Amino acid sequence: MNPLPDRTVILGMLITLGLVFALVFWFVRLAPSPEPALQWRDTAPTAPKAVPAPQQPQQPLLPGRSGGGQNGALI
């Protein structure tokens, strides 16, 4: 079997490389686009949200304890 000339080998490598690049770019173009990038708000909202008034903390309900307060009514 005769060895291939250098020109033929180099030409085959260039054609293979071109085919690989063509396939890669073709599949990248056909791929669905990713989710759109987040768009940040540049300005603050015009009306600030109303903050509810703080509520008085309630005493915890402890079943099993009697005597005093709201817990006695539960038992």
C-alpha atoms as a PDB file:
ATOM      1  CA  MET A   1       0.000   0.000   0.000  1.00  0.00           C
ATOM      2  CA  ASN A   2       1.398   3.373  -0.994  1.00  0.00           C
ATOM      3  CA  PRO A   3       1.498   6.177   1.597  1.00  0.00           C
ATOM      4  CA  LEU A   4      -0.701   9.200   0.921  1.00  0.00           C
ATOM      5  CA  PRO A   5       0.976  12.411  -0.147  1.00  0.00           C
ATOM      6  CA  ASP A   6       1.264  15.179   2.464  1.00  0.00           C
ATOM      7  CA  ARG A   7      -0.992  17.469   0.455  1.00  0.00           C
ATOM      8  CA  THR A   8      -3.834  14.919   0.548  1.00  0.00           C
ATOM      9  CA  VAL A   9      -3.508  14.369   4.310  1.00  0.00           C
ATOM     10  CA  ILE A  10      -3.479  18.101   5.053  1.00  0.00           C
ATOM     11  CA  LEU A  11      -6.455  18.663   2.735  1.00  0.00           C
ATOM     12  CA  GLY A  12      -8.376  15.847   4.470  1.00  0.00           C
ATOM     13  CA  MET A  13      -7.627  17.345   7.891  1.00  0.00           C
ATOM     14  CA  LEU A  14      -8.790  20.802   6.781  1.00  0.00           C
ATOM     15  CA  ILE A  15     -12.000  19.398   5.286  1.00  0.00           C
ATOM     16  CA  THR A  16     -12.667  17.422   8.483  1.00  0.00           C
ATOM     17  CA  LEU A  17     -12.014  20.488  10.641  1.00  0.00           C
ATOM     18  CA  GLY A  18     -14.303  22.625   8.463  1.00  0.00           C
ATOM     19  CA  LEU A  19     -17.042  19.991   8.646  1.00  0.00           C
ATOM     20  CA  VAL A  20     -16.782  19.847  12.456  1.00  0.00           C
ATOM     21  CA  PHE A  21     -17.013  23.655  12.734  1.00  0.00           C
ATOM     22  CA  ALA A  22     -19.977  23.724  10.335  1.00  0.00           C
ATOM     23  CA  LEU A  23     -21.842  21.079  12.349  1.00  0.00           C
ATOM     24  CA  VAL A  24     -21.122  22.788  15.662  1.00  0.00           C
ATOM     25  CA  PHE A  25     -22.323  26.195  14.488  1.00  0.00           C
ATOM     26  CA  TRP A  26     -25.344  24.665  12.772  1.00  0.00           C
ATOM     27  CA  PHE A  27     -26.488  22.885  15.960  1.00  0.00           C
ATOM     28  CA  VAL A  28     -25.804  25.951  18.105  1.00  0.00           C
ATOM     29  CA  ARG A  29     -28.001  28.010  15.821  1.00  0.00           C
ATOM     30  CA  LEU A  30     -30.808  25.431  15.953  1.00  0.00           C
ATOM     31  CA  ALA A  31     -30.680  25.117  19.744  1.00  0.00           C
ATOM     32  CA  PRO A  32     -33.536  26.833  21.590  1.00  0.00           C
ATOM     33  CA  SER A  33     -32.579  30.123  23.147  1.00  0.00           C
ATOM     34  CA  PRO A  34     -32.121  30.105  26.926  1.00  0.00           C
ATOM     35  CA  GLU A  35     -34.392  31.982  29.296  1.00  0.00           C
ATOM     36  CA  PRO A  36     -34.277  35.734  28.868  1.00  0.00           C
ATOM     37  CA  ALA A  37     -31.894  37.530  31.172  1.00  0.00           C
ATOM     38  CA  LEU A  38     -33.259  39.141  34.306  1.00  0.00           C
ATOM     39  CA  GLN A  39     -34.173  42.749  33.780  1.00  0.00           C
ATOM     40  CA  TRP A  40     -33.491  44.764  36.883  1.00  0.00           C
ATOM     41  CA  ARG A  41     -35.641  47.694  37.840  1.00  0.00           C
ATOM     42  CA  ASP A  42     -33.699  50.958  37.659  1.00  0.00           C
ATOM     43  CA  THR A  43     -36.125  53.054  39.679  1.00  0.00           C
ATOM     44  CA  ALA A  44     -37.711  52.496  43.060  1.00  0.00           C
ATOM     45  CA  PRO A  45     -41.467  51.980  43.236  1.00  0.00           C
ATOM     46  CA  THR A  46     -43.376  55.273  43.397  1.00  0.00           C
ATOM     47  CA  ALA A  47     -45.573  54.403  46.390  1.00  0.00           C
ATOM     48  CA  PRO A  48     -43.954  52.596  49.314  1.00  0.00           C
ATOM     49  CA  LYS A  49     -45.877  49.677  50.710  1.00  0.00           C
ATOM     50  CA  ALA A  50     -47.776  50.321  53.915  1.00  0.00           C
ATOM     51  CA  VAL A  51     -46.116  48.660  56.866  1.00  0.00           C
ATOM     52  CA  PRO A  52     -48.648  47.047  59.224  1.00  0.00           C
ATOM     53  CA  ALA A  53     -48.591  48.185  62.836  1.00  0.00           C
ATOM     54  CA  PRO A  54     -46.784  45.791  65.155  1.00  0.00           C
ATOM     55  CA  GLN A  55     -49.085  43.558  67.151  1.00  0.00           C
ATOM     56  CA  GLN A  56     -48.790  42.842  70.834  1.00  0.00           C
ATOM     57  CA  PRO A  57     -47.264  39.409  71.386  1.00  0.00           C
ATOM     58  CA  GLN A  58     -49.732  36.911  72.754  1.00  0.00           C
ATOM     59  CA  GLN A  59     -48.875  34.592  75.576  1.00  0.00           C
ATOM     60  CA  PRO A  60     -48.228  31.080  74.312  1.00  0.00           C
ATOM     61  CA  LEU A  61     -51.015  28.590  74.818  1.00  0.00           C
ATOM     62  CA  LEU A  62     -49.742  25.822  77.067  1.00  0.00           C
ATOM     63  CA  PRO A  63     -52.224  22.983  77.414  1.00  0.00           C
ATOM     64  CA  GLY A  64     -51.788  21.056  80.622  1.00  0.00           C
ATOM     65  CA  ARG A  65     -51.180  24.095  82.796  1.00  0.00           C
ATOM     66  CA  SER A  66     -54.111  25.418  84.691  1.00  0.00           C
ATOM     67  CA  GLY A  67     -54.657  28.523  86.624  1.00  0.00           C
ATOM     68  CA  GLY A  68     -54.479  31.962  85.248  1.00  0.00           C
ATOM     69  CA  GLY A  69     -54.889  33.733  82.011  1.00  0.00           C
ATOM     70  CA  GLN A  70     -56.194  32.334  78.827  1.00  0.00           C
ATOM     71  CA  ASN A  71     -54.663  28.915  79.354  1.00  0.00           C
ATOM     72  CA  GLY A  72     -57.124  27.968  82.094  1.00  0.00           C
ATOM     73  CA  ALA A  73     -60.048  28.373  79.721  1.00  0.00           C
ATOM     74  CA  LEU A  74     -58.634  25.792  77.339  1.00  0.00           C
ATOM     75  CA  ILE A  75     -58.582  22.942  79.821  1.00  0.00           C
END
